[in-house]
C-alpha cells in the first residue's frame, strides 16, 4: 500500500526541501532510496505501475516525461521538486 514519506524519512534520506535542494533537485540515488523507503524496488515499482521493464531505471539515466510523472506521482511529490529544471 502506498503512503507518503514522513518529514523524518525525508530528512533521513537527505530530501528535506532546502533552497539548495530545490535548485539542484534529487539525485538518482535519492529517488531510488525514496522508492525503497516506500517498500518497493525499482523493478517492483515498474511492475506495480504496469510500465515496461527497465523504463523507470532508464529514466533515472535520461529523463522521460511519462516515467518522471509516474515516479513523482508514486512519491507524492511534484515533478518540479525532483527535477527543477
Protein backbone atom coordinates (compact mmCIF):
# COMPACT_ATOMS: atom_id res chain seq x y z
CA UNK A 1 0.00 0.00 0.00
CA UNK A 2 1.34 3.40 -0.99
CA UNK A 3 1.96 6.00 1.68
CA UNK A 4 3.58 9.42 1.84
CA UNK A 5 7.08 9.80 3.19
CA UNK A 6 7.12 11.45 6.61
CA UNK A 7 9.19 14.55 7.28
CA UNK A 8 11.60 12.40 9.34
CA UNK A 9 12.00 9.92 6.45
CA UNK A 10 12.61 12.76 4.00
CA UNK A 11 15.23 14.20 6.36
CA UNK A 12 16.94 10.81 6.83
CA UNK A 13 17.10 10.38 3.05
CA UNK A 14 18.56 13.86 2.65
CA UNK A 15 15.45 15.08 0.84
CA UNK A 16 14.48 17.96 3.12
CA UNK A 17 13.46 20.89 0.99
CA UNK A 18 16.34 23.30 1.50
CA UNK A 19 17.00 26.11 -1.02
CA UNK A 20 19.98 24.14 -2.36
CA UNK A 21 17.88 21.01 -2.80
CA UNK A 22 15.22 22.93 -4.68
CA UNK A 23 17.83 24.36 -7.07
CA UNK A 24 19.53 21.03 -7.79
CA UNK A 25 16.72 18.53 -7.47
CA UNK A 26 17.13 14.94 -6.33
CA UNK A 27 19.92 12.62 -7.36
CA UNK A 28 19.05 9.25 -8.88
CA UNK A 29 20.23 7.61 -5.65
CA UNK A 30 17.88 9.79 -3.60
CA UNK A 31 15.00 8.84 -5.90
CA UNK A 32 15.83 5.13 -5.57
CA UNK A 33 16.11 5.49 -1.77
CA UNK A 34 12.71 7.19 -1.61
CA UNK A 35 11.16 4.36 -3.67
CA UNK A 36 12.78 1.78 -1.36
CA UNK A 37 11.56 3.69 1.71
CA UNK A 38 8.02 3.13 0.46
CA UNK A 39 8.66 -0.61 0.21
CA UNK A 40 9.40 -1.04 -3.48
CA UNK A 41 12.41 -1.79 -5.62
CA UNK A 42 12.68 -0.02 -8.96
CA UNK A 43 11.72 -3.28 -10.70
CA UNK A 44 8.81 -3.77 -8.28
CA UNK A 45 7.61 -0.24 -8.95
CA UNK A 46 7.72 -0.87 -12.70
CA UNK A 47 5.55 -3.96 -12.22
CA UNK A 48 3.15 -2.13 -9.89
CA UNK A 49 2.77 0.75 -12.35
CA UNK A 50 2.46 -1.59 -15.33
CA UNK A 51 5.26 0.09 -17.26
CA UNK A 52 7.86 -1.60 -19.43
CA UNK A 53 10.73 -3.32 -17.63
CA UNK A 54 13.70 -1.00 -17.04
CA UNK A 55 11.69 2.10 -18.06
CA UNK A 56 11.95 3.69 -14.61
CA UNK A 57 15.62 2.75 -14.33
CA UNK A 58 16.29 4.20 -17.78
CA UNK A 59 14.50 7.43 -16.89
CA UNK A 60 16.87 7.85 -13.95
CA UNK A 61 19.69 7.95 -16.51
CA UNK A 62 17.88 10.06 -19.10
CA UNK A 63 14.63 11.75 -18.25
CA UNK A 64 11.36 10.57 -19.73
CA UNK A 65 8.15 12.59 -19.35
CA UNK A 66 5.89 9.59 -18.72
CA UNK A 67 8.29 7.91 -16.28
CA UNK A 68 9.02 11.20 -14.50
CA UNK A 69 5.30 11.71 -13.95
CA UNK A 70 4.87 8.14 -12.70
CA UNK A 71 7.78 8.44 -10.25
CA UNK A 72 6.60 11.82 -8.93
CA UNK A 73 3.02 10.59 -8.52
CA UNK A 74 4.19 7.45 -6.72
CA UNK A 75 6.37 9.51 -4.35
CA UNK A 76 3.56 12.05 -3.96
CA UNK A 77 5.98 14.86 -4.80
CA UNK A 78 5.57 17.40 -7.59
CA UNK A 79 7.89 16.76 -10.53
CA UNK A 80 9.44 20.22 -10.20
CA UNK A 81 10.73 19.30 -6.73
CA UNK A 82 12.54 16.21 -8.01
CA UNK A 83 13.61 17.74 -11.34
CA UNK A 84 13.55 21.55 -11.03
CA UNK A 85 14.98 22.35 -14.47
